[in-house]
C-alpha atoms as a PDB file:
ATOM      1  CA  MET A   1     -20.549  32.090 -17.700  1.00  0.00           C
ATOM      2  CA  GLN A   2     -18.445  35.116 -16.856  1.00  0.00           C
ATOM      3  CA  THR A   3     -16.349  36.901 -19.475  1.00  0.00           C
ATOM      4  CA  VAL A   4     -13.348  39.093 -18.637  1.00  0.00           C
ATOM      5  CA  ASN A   5     -10.594  40.735 -20.650  1.00  0.00           C
ATOM      6  CA  LEU A   6      -6.990  39.669 -20.231  1.00  0.00           C
ATOM      7  CA  VAL A   7      -5.939  42.723 -18.194  1.00  0.00           C
ATOM      8  CA  GLU A   8      -8.762  42.137 -15.697  1.00  0.00           C
ATOM      9  CA  ALA A   9      -7.932  38.413 -15.570  1.00  0.00           C
ATOM     10  CA  LYS A  10      -4.320  39.227 -14.668  1.00  0.00           C
ATOM     11  CA  ALA A  11      -5.448  41.593 -11.931  1.00  0.00           C
ATOM     12  CA  HIS A  12      -8.079  39.247 -10.428  1.00  0.00           C
ATOM     13  CA  LEU A  13      -6.758  35.765 -11.188  1.00  0.00           C
ATOM     14  CA  SER A  14      -7.310  34.403  -7.664  1.00  0.00           C
ATOM     15  CA  ARG A  15     -10.970  35.453  -7.694  1.00  0.00           C
ATOM     16  CA  LEU A  16     -11.480  33.960 -11.161  1.00  0.00           C
ATOM     17  CA  VAL A  17      -9.866  30.678 -10.116  1.00  0.00           C
ATOM     18  CA  ASP A  18     -12.201  30.555  -7.106  1.00  0.00           C
ATOM     19  CA  LEU A  19     -15.184  31.070  -9.426  1.00  0.00           C
ATOM     20  CA  ALA A  20     -13.995  28.247 -11.687  1.00  0.00           C
ATOM     21  CA  LYS A  21     -13.398  26.016  -8.649  1.00  0.00           C
ATOM     22  CA  ASP A  22     -16.998  26.650  -7.585  1.00  0.00           C
ATOM     23  CA  GLY A  23     -18.241  25.475 -10.992  1.00  0.00           C
ATOM     24  CA  GLU A  24     -18.652  28.719 -12.949  1.00  0.00           C
ATOM     25  CA  ALA A  25     -16.757  28.840 -16.234  1.00  0.00           C
ATOM     26  CA  VAL A  26     -14.790  32.029 -16.927  1.00  0.00           C
ATOM     27  CA  ARG A  27     -13.859  33.082 -20.463  1.00  0.00           C
ATOM     28  CA  ILE A  28     -10.817  35.286 -21.005  1.00  0.00           C
ATOM     29  CA  LEU A  29     -10.793  37.676 -23.957  1.00  0.00           C
ATOM     30  CA  ARG A  30      -7.906  39.309 -25.805  1.00  0.00           C
ATOM     31  CA  ARG A  31      -8.946  42.113 -28.145  1.00  0.00           C
ATOM     32  CA  GLY A  32     -12.544  40.911 -27.964  1.00  0.00           C
ATOM     33  CA  LYS A  33     -11.847  37.294 -28.921  1.00  0.00           C
ATOM     34  CA  VAL A  34     -11.971  34.306 -26.574  1.00  0.00           C
ATOM     35  CA  VAL A  35      -8.438  32.981 -26.017  1.00  0.00           C
ATOM     36  CA  ALA A  36      -8.885  30.884 -22.866  1.00  0.00           C
ATOM     37  CA  GLN A  37     -11.483  29.441 -20.548  1.00  0.00           C
ATOM     38  CA  LEU A  38     -11.151  28.566 -16.868  1.00  0.00           C
ATOM     39  CA  VAL A  39     -13.233  25.584 -15.774  1.00  0.00           C
ATOM     40  CA  LYS A  40     -13.290  23.337 -12.733  1.00  0.00           C
ATOM     41  CA  ALA A  41     -10.723  20.551 -12.985  1.00  0.00           C
ATOM     42  CA  GLU A  42     -12.048  17.051 -12.415  1.00  0.00           C
ATOM     43  CA  PRO A  43      -9.741  14.734 -10.445  1.00  0.00           C
ATOM     44  CA  VAL A  44      -8.136  11.976 -12.478  1.00  0.00           C
ATOM     45  CA  ARG A  45      -9.020   8.549 -11.135  1.00  0.00           C
ATOM     46  CA  LYS A  46      -6.777   5.607 -11.819  1.00  0.00           C
ATOM     47  CA  GLN A  47      -8.502   2.396 -12.761  1.00  0.00           C
ATOM     48  CA  ILE A  48      -7.928  -0.505 -10.379  1.00  0.00           C
ATOM     49  CA  VAL A  49      -6.450  -3.622 -11.968  1.00  0.00           C
ATOM     50  CA  VAL A  50      -8.277  -6.351 -10.073  1.00  0.00           C
ATOM     51  CA  SER A  51      -5.958  -9.130 -11.212  1.00  0.00           C
ATOM     52  CA  ALA A  52      -2.883  -7.267  -9.895  1.00  0.00           C
ATOM     53  CA  LEU A  53      -4.615  -6.606  -6.575  1.00  0.00           C
ATOM     54  CA  ARG A  54      -5.675 -10.227  -6.291  1.00  0.00           C
ATOM     55  CA  SER A  55      -2.170 -11.531  -7.016  1.00  0.00           C
ATOM     56  CA  LEU A  56      -0.769  -9.170  -4.367  1.00  0.00           C
ATOM     57  CA  THR A  57      -3.218 -10.293  -1.692  1.00  0.00           C
ATOM     58  CA  ASP A  58      -2.809 -13.964  -2.599  1.00  0.00           C
ATOM     59  CA  ALA A  59       0.951 -13.660  -2.015  1.00  0.00           C
ATOM     60  CA  MET A  60       0.461 -12.293   1.519  1.00  0.00           C
ATOM     61  CA  THR A  61       0.771 -14.666   4.458  1.00  0.00           C
ATOM     62  CA  LEU A  62      -2.347 -15.238   6.519  1.00  0.00           C
ATOM     63  CA  GLN A  63      -2.551 -13.708   9.975  1.00  0.00           C
ATOM     64  CA  THR A  64      -2.354 -16.223  12.797  1.00  0.00           C
ATOM     65  CA  GLU A  65      -3.975 -13.966  15.383  1.00  0.00           C
ATOM     66  CA  SER A  66      -6.809 -11.467  15.275  1.00  0.00           C
ATOM     67  CA  ALA A  67      -6.103  -7.781  14.699  1.00  0.00           C
ATOM     68  CA  ALA A  68      -7.454  -6.956  18.168  1.00  0.00           C
ATOM     69  CA  THR A  69      -4.986  -9.356  19.780  1.00  0.00           C
ATOM     70  CA  ALA A  70      -2.087  -7.996  17.727  1.00  0.00           C
ATOM     71  CA  VAL A  71      -2.886  -4.397  18.702  1.00  0.00           C
ATOM     72  CA  ARG A  72      -3.339  -5.356  22.349  1.00  0.00           C
ATOM     73  CA  ASP A  73       0.042  -7.137  22.345  1.00  0.00           C
ATOM     74  CA  MET A  74       1.764  -4.145  20.732  1.00  0.00           C
ATOM     75  CA  ARG A  75       0.200  -1.833  23.308  1.00  0.00           C
ATOM     76  CA  ASP A  76       1.191  -4.046  26.229  1.00  0.00           C
ATOM     77  CA  GLU A  77       4.773  -4.494  25.006  1.00  0.00           C
ATOM     78  CA  ALA A  78       5.363  -0.755  24.473  1.00  0.00           C
ATOM     79  CA  ARG A  79       7.572   0.951  27.056  1.00  0.00           C
ATOM     80  CA  TYR A  80       6.522   4.393  28.210  1.00  0.00           C
END
């Protein structure tokens, strides 16, 4: 873990953010005391509500033709 004072952190913030992004924690000191710590942010994942997804797909109409046929028809009908 790297430790830097506040003045150095202000001067080299981009480099310190890159270190944190790469997984190394960086502590920032003010007058010798830790006041902040930069760490890698973990992405927030939303939980999937299966019942809502199922009700959405159940309400959809079934396809009468295959996807390949639909794409082929769209391609053939397009005017260039």
